Amino acid sequence: VVLCHTGTRDLAAEVRQADIVVAAAGQPGLITA
């Protein structure tokens, strides 16, 4: 598990490596294709 947050340096890079993504930030449309 990688726990990402507002202090994560490169969110897109972290998410792009994941087999499973759980988006629970409360920011509409944060995770894009």
Full PDB file with SEQRES, HELIX, SHEET, SSBOND, CRYST1, ORIGX, SCALE, CONECT and MASTER records, all heavy atoms in Angstrom:
SEQRES   1 A   33  VAL VAL LEU CYS HIS THR GLY THR ARG ASP LEU ALA ALA          
SEQRES   2 A   33  GLU VAL ARG GLN ALA ASP ILE VAL VAL ALA ALA ALA GLY          
SEQRES   3 A   33  GLN PRO GLY LEU ILE THR ALA                                  
HELIX    1 AA1 LEU A   11  ARG A   16  1                                   6    
CRYST1    1.000    1.000    1.000  90.00  90.00  90.00 P 1           1          
ORIGX1      1.000000  0.000000  0.000000        0.00000                         
ORIGX2      0.000000  1.000000  0.000000        0.00000                         
ORIGX3      0.000000  0.000000  1.000000        0.00000                         
SCALE1      1.000000  0.000000  0.000000        0.00000                         
SCALE2      0.000000  1.000000  0.000000        0.00000                         
SCALE3      0.000000  0.000000  1.000000        0.00000                         
ATOM      1  N   VAL A   1       0.814  -1.212   0.000  1.00  0.00           N  
ATOM      2  CA  VAL A   1       0.000   0.000   0.000  1.00  0.00           C  
ATOM      3  C   VAL A   1       0.852   1.267   0.000  1.00  0.00           C  
ATOM      4  O   VAL A   1       1.819   1.379   0.754  1.00  0.00           O  
ATOM      5  CB  VAL A   1      -0.937   0.013   1.225  1.00  0.00           C  
ATOM      6  CG1 VAL A   1      -1.693   1.333   1.316  1.00  0.00           C  
ATOM      7  CG2 VAL A   1      -1.925  -1.152   1.141  1.00  0.00           C  
ATOM      8  N   VAL A   2       0.460   2.219  -0.849  1.00  0.00           N  
ATOM      9  CA  VAL A   2       1.008   3.569  -0.821  1.00  0.00           C  
ATOM     10  C   VAL A   2      -0.138   4.501  -0.438  1.00  0.00           C  
ATOM     11  O   VAL A   2      -1.153   4.556  -1.131  1.00  0.00           O  
ATOM     12  CB  VAL A   2       1.591   3.977  -2.188  1.00  0.00           C  
ATOM     13  CG1 VAL A   2       2.063   5.424  -2.145  1.00  0.00           C  
ATOM     14  CG2 VAL A   2       2.737   3.059  -2.577  1.00  0.00           C  
ATOM     15  N   LEU A   3       0.024   5.225   0.676  1.00  0.00           N  
ATOM     16  CA  LEU A   3      -1.010   6.135   1.155  1.00  0.00           C  
ATOM     17  C   LEU A   3      -0.680   7.548   0.676  1.00  0.00           C  
ATOM     18  O   LEU A   3       0.266   8.179   1.137  1.00  0.00           O  
ATOM     19  CB  LEU A   3      -1.088   6.099   2.682  1.00  0.00           C  
ATOM     20  CG  LEU A   3      -2.160   6.969   3.339  1.00  0.00           C  
ATOM     21  CD1 LEU A   3      -3.549   6.620   2.816  1.00  0.00           C  
ATOM     22  CD2 LEU A   3      -2.125   6.804   4.855  1.00  0.00           C  
ATOM     23  N   CYS A   4      -1.478   8.027  -0.272  1.00  0.00           N  
ATOM     24  CA  CYS A   4      -1.236   9.346  -0.872  1.00  0.00           C  
ATOM     25  C   CYS A   4      -2.113  10.404  -0.209  1.00  0.00           C  
ATOM     26  O   CYS A   4      -3.197  10.107   0.306  1.00  0.00           O  
ATOM     27  CB  CYS A   4      -1.547   9.299  -2.374  1.00  0.00           C  
ATOM     28  SG  CYS A   4      -0.611   8.064  -3.294  1.00  0.00           S  
ATOM     29  N   HIS A   5      -1.654  11.660  -0.257  1.00  0.00           N  
ATOM     30  CA  HIS A   5      -2.359  12.752   0.403  1.00  0.00           C  
ATOM     31  C   HIS A   5      -1.922  14.074  -0.215  1.00  0.00           C  
ATOM     32  O   HIS A   5      -1.222  14.084  -1.244  1.00  0.00           O  
ATOM     33  CB  HIS A   5      -2.085  12.724   1.906  1.00  0.00           C  
ATOM     34  CG  HIS A   5      -0.648  12.464   2.245  1.00  0.00           C  
ATOM     35  ND1 HIS A   5       0.336  13.420   2.104  1.00  0.00           N  
ATOM     36  CD2 HIS A   5      -0.024  11.333   2.671  1.00  0.00           C  
ATOM     37  CE1 HIS A   5       1.501  12.913   2.466  1.00  0.00           C  
ATOM     38  NE2 HIS A   5       1.317  11.644   2.798  1.00  0.00           N  
ATOM     39  N   THR A   6      -2.311  15.184   0.410  1.00  0.00           N  
ATOM     40  CA  THR A   6      -2.009  16.486  -0.176  1.00  0.00           C  
ATOM     41  C   THR A   6      -0.510  16.785  -0.213  1.00  0.00           C  
ATOM     42  O   THR A   6      -0.073  17.660  -0.960  1.00  0.00           O  
ATOM     43  CB  THR A   6      -2.717  17.603   0.617  1.00  0.00           C  
ATOM     44  OG1 THR A   6      -2.387  17.465   2.018  1.00  0.00           O  
ATOM     45  CG2 THR A   6      -4.227  17.508   0.450  1.00  0.00           C  
ATOM     46  N   GLY A   7       0.261  16.057   0.574  1.00  0.00           N  
ATOM     47  CA  GLY A   7       1.704  16.262   0.557  1.00  0.00           C  
ATOM     48  C   GLY A   7       2.446  15.344  -0.390  1.00  0.00           C  
ATOM     49  O   GLY A   7       3.679  15.412  -0.487  1.00  0.00           O  
ATOM     50  N   THR A   8       1.719  14.487  -1.105  1.00  0.00           N  
ATOM     51  CA  THR A   8       2.365  13.577  -2.054  1.00  0.00           C  
ATOM     52  C   THR A   8       2.964  14.378  -3.211  1.00  0.00           C  
ATOM     53  O   THR A   8       2.275  15.192  -3.833  1.00  0.00           O  
ATOM     54  CB  THR A   8       1.346  12.551  -2.590  1.00  0.00           C  
ATOM     55  OG1 THR A   8       0.844  11.780  -1.488  1.00  0.00           O  
ATOM     56  CG2 THR A   8       1.991  11.617  -3.602  1.00  0.00           C  
ATOM     57  N   ARG A   9       4.230  14.126  -3.517  1.00  0.00           N  
ATOM     58  CA  ARG A   9       4.949  14.951  -4.496  1.00  0.00           C  
ATOM     59  C   ARG A   9       4.401  14.798  -5.907  1.00  0.00           C  
ATOM     60  O   ARG A   9       4.221  15.776  -6.631  1.00  0.00           O  
ATOM     61  CB  ARG A   9       6.441  14.601  -4.452  1.00  0.00           C  
ATOM     62  CG  ARG A   9       7.303  15.455  -5.365  1.00  0.00           C  
ATOM     63  CD  ARG A   9       8.770  15.180  -5.122  1.00  0.00           C  
ATOM     64  NE  ARG A   9       9.139  15.475  -3.732  1.00  0.00           N  
ATOM     65  CZ  ARG A   9      10.306  15.115  -3.195  1.00  0.00           C  
ATOM     66  NH1 ARG A   9      11.172  14.423  -3.899  1.00  0.00           N  
ATOM     67  NH2 ARG A   9      10.568  15.431  -1.950  1.00  0.00           N  
ATOM     68  N   ASP A  10       4.166  13.584  -6.336  1.00  0.00           N  
ATOM     69  CA  ASP A  10       3.687  13.349  -7.699  1.00  0.00           C  
ATOM     70  C   ASP A  10       2.571  12.316  -7.637  1.00  0.00           C  
ATOM     71  O   ASP A  10       2.809  11.117  -7.797  1.00  0.00           O  
ATOM     72  CB  ASP A  10       4.834  12.868  -8.593  1.00  0.00           C  
ATOM     73  CG  ASP A  10       4.463  12.837 -10.071  1.00  0.00           C  
ATOM     74  OD1 ASP A  10       3.259  12.847 -10.377  1.00  0.00           O  
ATOM     75  OD2 ASP A  10       5.378  12.793 -10.917  1.00  0.00           O  
ATOM     76  N   LEU A  11       1.363  12.789  -7.391  1.00  0.00           N  
ATOM     77  CA  LEU A  11       0.224  11.891  -7.219  1.00  0.00           C  
ATOM     78  C   LEU A  11       0.001  11.030  -8.454  1.00  0.00           C  
ATOM     79  O   LEU A  11      -0.223   9.819  -8.349  1.00  0.00           O  
ATOM     80  CB  LEU A  11      -1.038  12.702  -6.908  1.00  0.00           C  
ATOM     81  CG  LEU A  11      -2.330  11.899  -6.756  1.00  0.00           C  
ATOM     82  CD1 LEU A  11      -2.232  10.947  -5.583  1.00  0.00           C  
ATOM     83  CD2 LEU A  11      -3.536  12.843  -6.585  1.00  0.00           C  
ATOM     84  N   ALA A  12       0.065  11.622  -9.626  1.00  0.00           N  
ATOM     85  CA  ALA A  12      -0.189  10.870 -10.855  1.00  0.00           C  
ATOM     86  C   ALA A  12       0.778   9.701 -11.002  1.00  0.00           C  
ATOM     87  O   ALA A  12       0.385   8.603 -11.408  1.00  0.00           O  
ATOM     88  CB  ALA A  12      -0.091  11.803 -12.065  1.00  0.00           C  
ATOM     89  N   ALA A  13       2.045   9.926 -10.670  1.00  0.00           N  
ATOM     90  CA  ALA A  13       3.042   8.865 -10.796  1.00  0.00           C  
ATOM     91  C   ALA A  13       2.751   7.719  -9.834  1.00  0.00           C  
ATOM     92  O   ALA A  13       2.913   6.539 -10.184  1.00  0.00           O  
ATOM     93  CB  ALA A  13       4.438   9.429 -10.544  1.00  0.00           C  
ATOM     94  N   GLU A  14       2.322   8.051  -8.622  1.00  0.00           N  
ATOM     95  CA  GLU A  14       2.016   7.004  -7.638  1.00  0.00           C  
ATOM     96  C   GLU A  14       0.801   6.195  -8.074  1.00  0.00           C  
ATOM     97  O   GLU A  14       0.787   4.967  -8.005  1.00  0.00           O  
ATOM     98  CB  GLU A  14       1.764   7.630  -6.261  1.00  0.00           C  
ATOM     99  CG  GLU A  14       2.957   8.345  -5.658  1.00  0.00           C  
ATOM    100  CD  GLU A  14       4.086   7.403  -5.263  1.00  0.00           C  
ATOM    101  OE1 GLU A  14       3.878   6.170  -5.282  1.00  0.00           O  
ATOM    102  OE2 GLU A  14       5.180   7.902  -4.942  1.00  0.00           O  
ATOM    103  N   VAL A  15      -0.241   6.897  -8.528  1.00  0.00           N  
ATOM    104  CA  VAL A  15      -1.477   6.218  -8.935  1.00  0.00           C  
ATOM    105  C   VAL A  15      -1.231   5.355 -10.167  1.00  0.00           C  
ATOM    106  O   VAL A  15      -1.751   4.241 -10.281  1.00  0.00           O  
ATOM    107  CB  VAL A  15      -2.593   7.254  -9.200  1.00  0.00           C  
ATOM    108  CG1 VAL A  15      -3.818   6.589  -9.821  1.00  0.00           C  
ATOM    109  CG2 VAL A  15      -2.965   7.974  -7.916  1.00  0.00           C  
ATOM    110  N   ARG A  16      -0.406   5.838 -11.084  1.00  0.00           N  
ATOM    111  CA  ARG A  16      -0.168   5.138 -12.349  1.00  0.00           C  
ATOM    112  C   ARG A  16       0.493   3.771 -12.149  1.00  0.00           C  
ATOM    113  O   ARG A  16       0.366   2.883 -12.993  1.00  0.00           O  
ATOM    114  CB  ARG A  16       0.684   6.013 -13.271  1.00  0.00           C  
ATOM    115  CG  ARG A  16       0.577   5.648 -14.748  1.00  0.00           C  
ATOM    116  CD  ARG A  16       1.286   6.688 -15.612  1.00  0.00           C  
ATOM    117  NE  ARG A  16       0.559   7.954 -15.630  1.00  0.00           N  
ATOM    118  CZ  ARG A  16       1.061   9.114 -15.197  1.00  0.00           C  
ATOM    119  NH1 ARG A  16       2.291   9.171 -14.707  1.00  0.00           N  
ATOM    120  NH2 ARG A  16       0.326  10.204 -15.259  1.00  0.00           N  
ATOM    121  N   GLN A  17       1.175   3.582 -11.026  1.00  0.00           N  
ATOM    122  CA  GLN A  17       1.847   2.299 -10.756  1.00  0.00           C  
ATOM    123  C   GLN A  17       0.926   1.278 -10.082  1.00  0.00           C  
ATOM    124  O   GLN A  17       1.295   0.113  -9.934  1.00  0.00           O  
ATOM    125  CB  GLN A  17       3.054   2.532  -9.845  1.00  0.00           C  
ATOM    126  CG  GLN A  17       4.133   3.393 -10.440  1.00  0.00           C  
ATOM    127  CD  GLN A  17       5.292   3.563  -9.470  1.00  0.00           C  
ATOM    128  OE1 GLN A  17       5.990   2.609  -9.126  1.00  0.00           O  
ATOM    129  NE2 GLN A  17       5.485   4.788  -8.990  1.00  0.00           N  
ATOM    130  N   ALA A  18      -0.258   1.721  -9.683  1.00  0.00           N  
ATOM    131  CA  ALA A  18      -1.108   0.895  -8.835  1.00  0.00           C  
ATOM    132  C   ALA A  18      -1.973  -0.087  -9.622  1.00  0.00           C  
ATOM    133  O   ALA A  18      -2.523   0.246 -10.671  1.00  0.00           O  
ATOM    134  CB  ALA A  18      -2.000   1.788  -7.979  1.00  0.00           C  
ATOM    135  N   ASP A  19      -2.114  -1.285  -9.072  1.00  0.00           N  
ATOM    136  CA  ASP A  19      -3.047  -2.274  -9.601  1.00  0.00           C  
ATOM    137  C   ASP A  19      -4.462  -1.994  -9.103  1.00  0.00           C  
ATOM    138  O   ASP A  19      -5.450  -2.364  -9.745  1.00  0.00           O  
ATOM    139  CB  ASP A  19      -2.637  -3.678  -9.161  1.00  0.00           C  
ATOM    140  CG  ASP A  19      -1.207  -4.009  -9.552  1.00  0.00           C  
ATOM    141  OD1 ASP A  19      -0.915  -4.008 -10.756  1.00  0.00           O  
ATOM    142  OD2 ASP A  19      -0.380  -4.244  -8.645  1.00  0.00           O  
ATOM    143  N   ILE A  20      -4.543  -1.379  -7.921  1.00  0.00           N  
ATOM    144  CA  ILE A  20      -5.824  -1.005  -7.323  1.00  0.00           C  
ATOM    145  C   ILE A  20      -5.708   0.437  -6.846  1.00  0.00           C  
ATOM    146  O   ILE A  20      -4.733   0.805  -6.183  1.00  0.00           O  
ATOM    147  CB  ILE A  20      -6.182  -1.916  -6.132  1.00  0.00           C  
ATOM    148  CG1 ILE A  20      -6.320  -3.379  -6.591  1.00  0.00           C  
ATOM    149  CG2 ILE A  20      -7.471  -1.446  -5.456  1.00  0.00           C  
ATOM    150  CD1 ILE A  20      -6.466  -4.371  -5.446  1.00  0.00           C  
ATOM    151  N   VAL A  21      -6.694   1.255  -7.191  1.00  0.00           N  
ATOM    152  CA  VAL A  21      -6.730   2.648  -6.764  1.00  0.00           C  
ATOM    153  C   VAL A  21      -8.010   2.866  -5.957  1.00  0.00           C  
ATOM    154  O   VAL A  21      -9.096   2.492  -6.397  1.00  0.00           O  
ATOM    155  CB  VAL A  21      -6.724   3.617  -7.972  1.00  0.00           C  
ATOM    156  CG1 VAL A  21      -6.769   5.072  -7.485  1.00  0.00           C  
ATOM    157  CG2 VAL A  21      -5.512   3.377  -8.850  1.00  0.00           C  
ATOM    158  N   VAL A  22      -7.857   3.447  -4.779  1.00  0.00           N  
ATOM    159  CA  VAL A  22      -9.015   3.811  -3.967  1.00  0.00           C  
ATOM    160  C   VAL A  22      -8.973   5.319  -3.768  1.00  0.00           C  
ATOM    161  O   VAL A  22      -8.053   5.840  -3.130  1.00  0.00           O  
ATOM    162  CB  VAL A  22      -9.027   3.096  -2.608  1.00  0.00           C  
ATOM    163  CG1 VAL A  22     -10.273   3.490  -1.812  1.00  0.00           C  
ATOM    164  CG2 VAL A  22      -8.966   1.588  -2.800  1.00  0.00           C  
ATOM    165  N   ALA A  23      -9.941   6.027  -4.337  1.00  0.00           N  
ATOM    166  CA  ALA A  23      -9.971   7.483  -4.271  1.00  0.00           C  
ATOM    167  C   ALA A  23     -10.946   7.928  -3.193  1.00  0.00           C  
ATOM    168  O   ALA A  23     -12.147   7.708  -3.307  1.00  0.00           O  
ATOM    169  CB  ALA A  23     -10.377   8.061  -5.621  1.00  0.00           C  
ATOM    170  N   ALA A  24     -10.406   8.535  -2.137  1.00  0.00           N  
ATOM    171  CA  ALA A  24     -11.231   8.963  -1.008  1.00  0.00           C  
ATOM    172  C   ALA A  24     -10.768  10.323  -0.518  1.00  0.00           C  
ATOM    173  O   ALA A  24     -10.553  10.544   0.671  1.00  0.00           O  
ATOM    174  CB  ALA A  24     -11.155   7.941   0.124  1.00  0.00           C  
ATOM    175  N   ALA A  25     -10.599  11.250  -1.463  1.00  0.00           N  
ATOM    176  CA  ALA A  25     -10.081  12.575  -1.131  1.00  0.00           C  
ATOM    177  C   ALA A  25     -11.155  13.644  -1.063  1.00  0.00           C  
ATOM    178  O   ALA A  25     -10.936  14.718  -0.500  1.00  0.00           O  
ATOM    179  CB  ALA A  25      -9.031  12.990  -2.162  1.00  0.00           C  
ATOM    180  N   GLY A  26     -12.318  13.386  -1.659  1.00  0.00           N  
ATOM    181  CA  GLY A  26     -13.366  14.397  -1.682  1.00  0.00           C  
ATOM    182  C   GLY A  26     -13.084  15.530  -2.648  1.00  0.00           C  
ATOM    183  O   GLY A  26     -13.500  16.665  -2.431  1.00  0.00           O  
ATOM    184  N   GLN A  27     -12.390  15.207  -3.752  1.00  0.00           N  
ATOM    185  CA  GLN A  27     -12.091  16.200  -4.789  1.00  0.00           C  
ATOM    186  C   GLN A  27     -12.668  15.701  -6.115  1.00  0.00           C  
ATOM    187  O   GLN A  27     -12.137  14.752  -6.698  1.00  0.00           O  
ATOM    188  CB  GLN A  27     -10.585  16.419  -4.918  1.00  0.00           C  
ATOM    189  CG  GLN A  27      -9.940  17.011  -3.675  1.00  0.00           C  
ATOM    190  CD  GLN A  27      -8.477  17.316  -3.886  1.00  0.00           C  
ATOM    191  OE1 GLN A  27      -8.055  17.663  -4.984  1.00  0.00           O  
ATOM    192  NE2 GLN A  27      -7.700  17.186  -2.825  1.00  0.00           N  
ATOM    193  N   PRO A  28     -13.728  16.307  -6.604  1.00  0.00           N  
ATOM    194  CA  PRO A  28     -14.401  15.821  -7.818  1.00  0.00           C  
ATOM    195  C   PRO A  28     -13.444  15.685  -9.006  1.00  0.00           C  
ATOM    196  O   PRO A  28     -12.681  16.599  -9.308  1.00  0.00           O  
ATOM    197  CB  PRO A  28     -15.452  16.900  -8.081  1.00  0.00           C  
ATOM    198  CG  PRO A  28     -15.716  17.509  -6.745  1.00  0.00           C  
ATOM    199  CD  PRO A  28     -14.400  17.486  -6.032  1.00  0.00           C  
ATOM    200  N   GLY A  29     -13.498  14.504  -9.653  1.00  0.00           N  
ATOM    201  CA  GLY A  29     -12.719  14.266 -10.862  1.00  0.00           C  
ATOM    202  C   GLY A  29     -11.219  14.235 -10.662  1.00  0.00           C  
ATOM    203  O   GLY A  29     -10.460  14.374 -11.634  1.00  0.00           O  
ATOM    204  N   LEU A  30     -10.758  14.017  -9.448  1.00  0.00           N  
ATOM    205  CA  LEU A  30      -9.321  14.041  -9.155  1.00  0.00           C  
ATOM    206  C   LEU A  30      -8.551  12.980  -9.945  1.00  0.00           C  
ATOM    207  O   LEU A  30      -7.465  13.234 -10.460  1.00  0.00           O  
ATOM    208  CB  LEU A  30      -9.101  13.830  -7.651  1.00  0.00           C  
ATOM    209  CG  LEU A  30      -7.654  13.717  -7.170  1.00  0.00           C  
ATOM    210  CD1 LEU A  30      -6.911  15.013  -7.391  1.00  0.00           C  
ATOM    211  CD2 LEU A  30      -7.615  13.298  -5.694  1.00  0.00           C  
ATOM    212  N   ILE A  31      -9.116  11.775 -10.039  1.00  0.00           N  
ATOM    213  CA  ILE A  31      -8.447  10.675 -10.732  1.00  0.00           C  
ATOM    214  C   ILE A  31      -8.950  10.627 -12.173  1.00  0.00           C  
ATOM    215  O   ILE A  31     -10.136  10.400 -12.429  1.00  0.00           O  
ATOM    216  CB  ILE A  31      -8.724   9.329 -10.029  1.00  0.00           C  
ATOM    217  CG1 ILE A  31      -8.343   9.400  -8.547  1.00  0.00           C  
ATOM    218  CG2 ILE A  31      -7.970   8.208 -10.723  1.00  0.00           C  
ATOM    219  CD1 ILE A  31      -6.898   9.737  -8.281  1.00  0.00           C  
ATOM    220  N   THR A  32      -8.041  10.834 -13.110  1.00  0.00           N  
ATOM    221  CA  THR A  32      -8.396  10.866 -14.533  1.00  0.00           C  
ATOM    222  C   THR A  32      -7.765   9.696 -15.264  1.00  0.00           C  
ATOM    223  O   THR A  32      -6.880   9.006 -14.735  1.00  0.00           O  
ATOM    224  CB  THR A  32      -7.933  12.188 -15.159  1.00  0.00           C  
ATOM    225  OG1 THR A  32      -6.524  12.359 -14.908  1.00  0.00           O  
ATOM    226  CG2 THR A  32      -8.684  13.363 -14.569  1.00  0.00           C  
ATOM    227  N   ALA A  33      -8.216   9.461 -16.491  1.00  0.00           N  
ATOM    228  CA  ALA A  33      -7.787   8.282 -17.249  1.00  0.00           C  
ATOM    229  C   ALA A  33      -6.273   8.215 -17.438  1.00  0.00           C  
ATOM    230  O   ALA A  33      -5.681   7.132 -17.388  1.00  0.00           O  
ATOM    231  CB  ALA A  33      -8.493   8.261 -18.604  1.00  0.00           C  
TER     232      ALA A  33                                                      
MASTER        0    0    0    1    0    0    0    6  231    1    0    3          
END                                                                             
